[in-house]
Amino acid sequence: MVVDKNGFLIAVMVTVAHIHDSKAAYLLMRVLKELCSSVKVIIADGGYRGEIARQIRDTSGYVLKVVISGYDKQGFRPIQKRWVVERTFAWLENDRRLCRNYELTFDSAEEIVKIAAIKLLINKI
């Protein structure tokens, strides 16, 4: 899932459970390239560091800024801009259809996420 700086959905991709998110990132970057060419920098978690970040930069032109967890010796500290994504997940979890996996196809699962995002946008107006 790709969200903007306000936490609103830009692109989403649903995959099977045994495929790690970092493997599907290439496909999501292709979808993002078709939808929104103004995105230059993508903030990602630790699963996207290393070779994957370099390959995505080389193939699609996006710069992945990898943000590592906020836990350290002082306890939990929120990381700048990462809370936007976590907040978006919390907003989406409030939707009844997304709290369980009711969908039979990937397309319908993606569309349900998009509908939930549309409801969030409408509520912000």
Protein backbone atom coordinates (compact mmCIF):
# COMPACT_ATOMS: atom_id res chain seq x y z
CA MET A 1 0.00 0.00 0.00
CA VAL A 2 1.28 3.47 -0.89
CA VAL A 3 -0.13 6.51 0.92
CA ASP A 4 0.57 10.21 0.56
CA LYS A 5 1.92 12.48 3.31
CA ASN A 6 -1.59 12.89 4.74
CA GLY A 7 -2.21 9.15 4.94
CA PHE A 8 -4.58 8.84 1.99
CA LEU A 9 -4.31 5.89 -0.34
CA ILE A 10 -2.48 6.25 -3.65
CA ALA A 11 -1.96 2.62 -4.68
CA VAL A 12 -2.70 -0.81 -3.20
CA MET A 13 -1.79 -4.38 -4.08
CA VAL A 14 -3.00 -7.60 -2.48
CA THR A 15 -0.93 -10.80 -2.78
CA VAL A 16 -1.04 -14.33 -1.41
CA ALA A 17 0.25 -14.81 2.12
CA HIS A 18 3.43 -16.72 1.25
CA ILE A 19 4.84 -13.89 -0.90
CA HIS A 20 6.77 -11.33 1.12
CA ASP A 21 5.84 -7.69 0.58
CA SER A 22 9.31 -6.85 -0.66
CA LYS A 23 8.93 -9.33 -3.53
CA ALA A 24 5.68 -7.74 -4.65
CA ALA A 25 7.17 -4.26 -4.38
CA TYR A 26 8.33 -4.34 -8.00
CA LEU A 27 4.78 -4.87 -9.22
CA LEU A 28 3.45 -2.18 -6.91
CA MET A 29 6.05 0.27 -8.21
CA ARG A 30 4.88 -0.45 -11.77
CA VAL A 31 1.27 0.24 -10.73
CA LEU A 32 2.37 3.42 -8.94
CA LYS A 33 4.29 4.58 -12.01
CA GLU A 34 1.13 4.28 -14.11
CA LEU A 35 -1.05 6.08 -11.55
CA CYS A 36 1.06 8.91 -10.20
CA SER A 37 4.30 10.09 -11.74
CA SER A 38 4.86 12.91 -9.22
CA VAL A 39 5.99 10.57 -6.43
CA LYS A 40 9.78 10.62 -6.07
CA VAL A 41 10.56 9.34 -2.56
CA ILE A 42 8.90 6.38 -0.83
CA ILE A 43 9.33 5.73 2.88
CA ALA A 44 9.51 2.00 3.61
CA ASP A 45 10.18 -0.23 6.61
CA GLY A 46 13.23 -2.42 7.22
CA GLY A 47 12.04 -5.24 4.95
CA TYR A 48 12.86 -3.13 1.90
CA ARG A 49 16.50 -2.33 2.65
CA GLY A 50 19.51 -3.47 0.70
CA GLU A 51 19.30 -4.95 -2.78
CA ILE A 52 15.57 -4.36 -3.18
CA ALA A 53 15.90 -0.61 -2.60
CA ARG A 54 18.69 -0.41 -5.18
CA GLN A 55 16.78 -2.42 -7.77
CA ILE A 56 13.62 -0.35 -7.34
CA ARG A 57 15.66 2.83 -7.71
CA ASP A 58 17.31 1.51 -10.88
CA THR A 59 14.17 0.09 -12.53
CA SER A 60 11.47 2.61 -11.58
CA GLY A 61 13.36 5.71 -10.47
CA TYR A 62 11.83 5.87 -6.99
CA VAL A 63 14.09 6.48 -4.01
CA LEU A 64 13.25 4.22 -1.06
CA LYS A 65 14.07 5.74 2.32
CA VAL A 66 14.15 2.83 4.73
CA VAL A 67 13.02 3.64 8.28
CA ILE A 68 13.96 1.24 11.06
CA SER A 69 11.78 0.55 14.11
CA GLY A 70 11.40 3.10 16.91
CA TYR A 71 12.43 0.76 19.71
CA ASP A 72 15.73 1.43 21.44
CA LYS A 73 17.11 1.53 24.98
CA GLN A 74 14.72 4.34 25.95
CA GLY A 75 11.62 2.43 24.85
CA PHE A 76 9.21 3.24 22.07
CA ARG A 77 9.65 6.51 20.20
CA PRO A 78 7.52 7.40 17.17
CA ILE A 79 9.54 7.77 14.00
CA GLN A 80 9.01 10.87 11.90
CA LYS A 81 6.56 10.23 9.02
CA ARG A 82 6.22 6.50 9.75
CA TRP A 83 3.26 7.20 12.02
CA VAL A 84 1.34 8.39 8.94
CA VAL A 85 1.31 4.85 7.53
CA GLU A 86 0.52 3.27 10.89
CA ARG A 87 -2.34 5.73 11.37
CA THR A 88 -3.70 4.85 7.93
CA PHE A 89 -3.66 1.15 8.81
CA ALA A 90 -5.56 1.98 12.01
CA TRP A 91 -8.15 3.98 10.04
CA LEU A 92 -8.63 1.12 7.59
CA GLU A 93 -8.97 -1.44 10.37
CA ASN A 94 -12.07 0.41 11.56
CA ASP A 95 -13.85 -0.75 8.40
CA ARG A 96 -15.85 -3.90 9.12
CA ARG A 97 -15.05 -5.58 5.77
CA LEU A 98 -11.30 -5.22 6.34
CA CYS A 99 -11.12 -6.69 9.83
CA ARG A 100 -11.69 -10.19 8.37
CA ASN A 101 -10.79 -11.73 5.05
CA TYR A 102 -14.15 -12.16 3.36
CA GLU A 103 -13.00 -11.66 -0.22
CA LEU A 104 -12.48 -14.56 -2.62
CA THR A 105 -10.32 -12.83 -5.24
CA PHE A 106 -7.40 -10.41 -5.11
CA ASP A 107 -9.25 -7.89 -7.24
CA SER A 108 -12.21 -7.74 -4.88
CA ALA A 109 -9.87 -7.42 -1.87
CA GLU A 110 -8.10 -4.47 -3.49
CA GLU A 111 -11.42 -2.84 -4.36
CA ILE A 112 -12.65 -3.17 -0.77
CA VAL A 113 -9.51 -1.37 0.44
CA LYS A 114 -10.14 1.35 -2.14
CA ILE A 115 -13.77 1.71 -1.01
CA ALA A 116 -12.61 2.04 2.61
CA ALA A 117 -10.13 4.72 1.53
CA ILE A 118 -12.89 6.58 -0.32
CA LYS A 119 -15.00 6.52 2.83
CA LEU A 120 -12.07 8.04 4.75
CA LEU A 121 -11.72 10.80 2.16
CA ILE A 122 -15.44 11.57 2.25
CA ASN A 123 -15.38 11.79 6.04
CA LYS A 124 -12.52 14.33 5.86
CA ILE A 125 -14.51 16.73 3.67
